[in-house]
N, C-alpha and C. Protein backbone atom coordinates (compact mmCIF):
# COMPACT_ATOMS: atom_id res chain seq x y z
N UNK A 1 -9.06 -14.71 25.23
CA UNK A 1 -9.53 -15.32 24.26
C UNK A 1 -8.10 -15.08 23.23
N UNK A 2 -7.85 -16.19 22.36
CA UNK A 2 -6.91 -16.12 21.48
C UNK A 2 -7.40 -15.81 20.06
N UNK A 3 -6.73 -14.78 19.37
CA UNK A 3 -7.18 -14.47 18.06
C UNK A 3 -6.59 -15.72 16.98
N UNK A 4 -7.17 -16.04 15.99
CA UNK A 4 -7.04 -17.04 15.30
C UNK A 4 -6.17 -16.57 14.29
N UNK A 5 -5.20 -17.32 13.54
CA UNK A 5 -4.32 -16.72 12.46
C UNK A 5 -5.03 -16.53 11.29
N UNK A 6 -4.94 -15.47 10.82
CA UNK A 6 -5.64 -14.64 9.66
C UNK A 6 -4.35 -14.03 8.84
N UNK A 7 -4.68 -14.24 7.46
CA UNK A 7 -3.79 -13.49 6.43
C UNK A 7 -4.53 -12.45 5.88
N UNK A 8 -4.02 -11.31 5.89
CA UNK A 8 -4.53 -9.96 5.26
C UNK A 8 -3.81 -9.38 4.26
N UNK A 9 -4.35 -9.05 2.91
CA UNK A 9 -3.63 -8.28 2.04
C UNK A 9 -4.26 -7.05 2.01
N UNK A 10 -3.64 -5.85 2.05
CA UNK A 10 -4.29 -4.71 1.85
C UNK A 10 -3.54 -3.80 0.62
N UNK A 11 -4.35 -3.71 -0.23
CA UNK A 11 -3.87 -3.09 -1.44
C UNK A 11 -4.39 -1.48 -1.62
N UNK A 12 -3.43 -0.63 -1.68
CA UNK A 12 -3.53 0.63 -1.73
C UNK A 12 -3.60 1.01 -3.42
N UNK A 13 -4.72 1.47 -3.82
CA UNK A 13 -5.12 1.77 -5.28
C UNK A 13 -4.13 2.57 -6.01
N UNK A 14 -3.93 2.49 -7.14
CA UNK A 14 -3.05 3.00 -8.05
C UNK A 14 -3.88 4.54 -8.53
N UNK A 15 -3.30 5.61 -8.62
CA UNK A 15 -4.01 6.60 -9.22
C UNK A 15 -3.68 6.97 -10.72
N UNK A 16 -4.57 7.29 -11.75
CA UNK A 16 -4.41 7.30 -13.02
C UNK A 16 -3.72 8.71 -13.28
N UNK A 17 -3.13 8.86 -14.57
CA UNK A 17 -2.74 10.25 -15.22
C UNK A 17 -3.77 11.21 -14.93
N UNK A 18 -4.85 10.98 -15.38
CA UNK A 18 -5.80 11.94 -15.28
C UNK A 18 -6.35 12.61 -14.23
N UNK A 19 -5.95 11.89 -13.04
CA UNK A 19 -6.51 11.93 -11.71
C UNK A 19 -5.87 13.28 -11.32
N UNK A 20 -6.67 14.06 -10.14
CA UNK A 20 -5.86 15.19 -9.69
C UNK A 20 -5.18 14.60 -8.64
N UNK A 21 -5.11 13.46 -8.01
CA UNK A 21 -4.20 12.92 -7.04
C UNK A 21 -3.01 12.37 -7.55
N UNK A 22 -2.81 12.34 -8.98
CA UNK A 22 -1.58 11.89 -9.48
C UNK A 22 -0.49 12.95 -9.34
N UNK A 23 0.74 12.29 -8.94
CA UNK A 23 1.76 13.34 -8.48
C UNK A 23 3.03 12.84 -9.58
N UNK A 24 2.86 12.03 -10.46
CA UNK A 24 3.90 11.78 -11.41
C UNK A 24 4.89 12.74 -11.67
N UNK A 25 4.30 13.78 -12.08
CA UNK A 25 5.41 14.92 -12.61
C UNK A 25 6.09 15.37 -11.28
N UNK A 26 5.60 15.44 -10.34
CA UNK A 26 6.59 16.11 -9.00
C UNK A 26 7.46 14.98 -8.66
N UNK A 27 6.97 13.56 -9.04
CA UNK A 27 7.93 12.81 -8.37
C UNK A 27 9.13 12.55 -9.28
N UNK A 28 8.82 12.98 -10.82
CA UNK A 28 10.03 12.71 -11.64
C UNK A 28 10.86 14.14 -11.26
N UNK A 29 10.41 15.20 -10.92
CA UNK A 29 11.16 16.31 -10.54
C UNK A 29 12.06 16.07 -9.40
N UNK A 30 11.63 15.54 -8.35
CA UNK A 30 12.43 15.24 -6.99
C UNK A 30 13.02 13.99 -6.90
N UNK A 31 12.73 13.07 -8.08
CA UNK A 31 13.41 11.82 -7.88
C UNK A 31 12.81 10.59 -7.20
N UNK A 32 11.51 10.85 -6.72
CA UNK A 32 10.75 10.19 -5.86
C UNK A 32 9.77 8.94 -6.73
N UNK A 33 9.85 7.96 -6.03
CA UNK A 33 8.84 6.78 -6.64
C UNK A 33 7.35 7.24 -6.36
N UNK A 34 7.06 7.59 -5.34
CA UNK A 34 5.73 8.03 -4.83
C UNK A 34 5.66 9.05 -3.67
N UNK A 35 5.05 10.34 -3.60
CA UNK A 35 5.48 11.09 -2.52
C UNK A 35 4.31 10.80 -1.14
N UNK A 36 3.48 9.96 -1.46
CA UNK A 36 2.46 9.71 -0.34
C UNK A 36 2.38 8.17 0.12
N UNK A 37 2.71 8.31 1.38
CA UNK A 37 2.66 6.57 2.05
C UNK A 37 1.01 6.36 2.14
N UNK A 38 0.72 5.10 2.19
CA UNK A 38 -0.88 4.81 2.35
C UNK A 38 -1.00 4.66 3.81
N UNK A 39 -1.06 5.91 4.61
CA UNK A 39 -1.13 5.83 6.01
C UNK A 39 -2.46 5.40 6.72
N UNK A 40 -3.53 5.53 5.68
CA UNK A 40 -4.59 4.67 6.13
C UNK A 40 -4.59 3.45 6.54
N UNK A 41 -4.08 2.50 5.62
CA UNK A 41 -4.03 1.42 5.57
C UNK A 41 -3.04 0.62 6.62
N UNK A 42 -1.91 1.67 6.88
CA UNK A 42 -0.92 1.06 7.89
C UNK A 42 -1.55 1.44 9.34
N UNK A 43 -2.52 2.38 9.30
CA UNK A 43 -3.12 2.60 10.60
C UNK A 43 -4.16 1.38 10.86
N UNK A 44 -4.65 1.03 9.90
CA UNK A 44 -5.61 -0.08 10.24
C UNK A 44 -5.07 -1.62 10.53
N UNK A 45 -3.86 -1.75 9.69
CA UNK A 45 -3.01 -2.92 10.04
C UNK A 45 -2.34 -2.78 11.55
N UNK A 46 -2.09 -1.71 11.96
CA UNK A 46 -1.59 -1.59 13.46
C UNK A 46 -2.56 -1.87 14.29
N UNK A 47 -4.05 -1.72 13.91
CA UNK A 47 -5.31 -2.10 14.77
C UNK A 47 -5.53 -3.61 14.79
N UNK A 48 -4.91 -4.21 13.97
CA UNK A 48 -5.33 -5.81 13.70
C UNK A 48 -4.61 -6.50 14.73
N UNK A 49 -5.19 -7.57 15.23
CA UNK A 49 -4.32 -8.50 16.16
C UNK A 49 -3.00 -8.71 15.71
N UNK A 50 -1.94 -8.85 16.43
CA UNK A 50 -0.60 -9.21 16.16
C UNK A 50 -0.35 -10.55 15.94
N UNK A 51 -1.10 -11.45 15.93
CA UNK A 51 -0.94 -12.68 15.65
C UNK A 51 -1.33 -12.86 13.91
N UNK A 52 -2.11 -11.82 13.38
CA UNK A 52 -2.40 -12.06 11.97
C UNK A 52 -1.23 -11.48 11.10
N UNK A 53 -1.20 -12.10 10.14
CA UNK A 53 0.15 -11.87 8.90
C UNK A 53 -0.62 -10.84 8.10
N UNK A 54 -0.12 -9.65 8.17
CA UNK A 54 -0.51 -8.62 7.19
C UNK A 54 0.49 -8.19 6.17
N UNK A 55 -0.13 -7.87 5.01
CA UNK A 55 0.76 -7.63 4.01
C UNK A 55 0.38 -6.42 3.03
N UNK A 56 1.02 -5.29 3.00
CA UNK A 56 0.50 -4.16 2.18
C UNK A 56 1.09 -3.90 0.89
N UNK A 57 0.22 -3.50 -0.07
CA UNK A 57 0.85 -3.51 -1.43
C UNK A 57 0.44 -2.24 -1.94
N UNK A 58 1.54 -1.36 -2.18
CA UNK A 58 1.38 -0.05 -2.75
C UNK A 58 1.33 0.01 -4.41
N UNK A 59 -0.18 -0.07 -4.85
CA UNK A 59 -0.04 -0.05 -6.56
C UNK A 59 0.76 1.03 -7.15
N UNK A 60 1.07 2.31 -6.33
CA UNK A 60 1.56 3.28 -6.93
C UNK A 60 3.19 3.14 -7.02
N UNK A 61 3.55 1.90 -6.30
CA UNK A 61 5.15 1.53 -6.15
C UNK A 61 5.73 0.66 -7.25
N UNK A 62 4.73 -0.15 -7.76
CA UNK A 62 4.93 -1.38 -8.40
C UNK A 62 3.66 -2.02 -8.79
N UNK A 63 3.93 -3.08 -9.55
CA UNK A 63 2.78 -3.99 -10.14
C UNK A 63 2.13 -5.00 -9.16
N UNK A 64 1.09 -5.18 -9.07
CA UNK A 64 0.59 -5.85 -8.11
C UNK A 64 0.82 -7.39 -7.84
N UNK A 65 0.79 -8.13 -9.14
CA UNK A 65 1.15 -9.23 -9.25
C UNK A 65 2.71 -9.62 -8.75
N UNK A 66 3.61 -8.63 -9.31
CA UNK A 66 4.91 -8.78 -9.01
C UNK A 66 5.04 -8.83 -7.53
N UNK A 67 4.36 -7.73 -6.79
CA UNK A 67 4.54 -7.57 -5.24
C UNK A 67 3.91 -8.39 -4.60
N UNK A 68 2.93 -9.06 -4.98
CA UNK A 68 2.06 -10.12 -4.18
C UNK A 68 3.00 -11.28 -4.16
N UNK A 69 3.43 -11.77 -5.48
CA UNK A 69 4.35 -12.92 -5.51
C UNK A 69 5.59 -12.97 -4.77
N UNK A 70 5.99 -11.80 -4.50
CA UNK A 70 7.67 -11.53 -3.92
C UNK A 70 7.58 -12.16 -2.50
């Protein structure tokens, strides 16, 4: 059976400054954009059929609209 073509957009949410999970100060100290990769979404993307077009957007690394339109 052949998998039909499907387009998937996965969005990793941004964490607010008041959140425990926000590492903004640590990023500033080490010069990183964001220290944690969205590994859960990457794992799910790897499990999807290879014929599907998958796009991952990390909201912590940039604005959603700019990243989707690129």
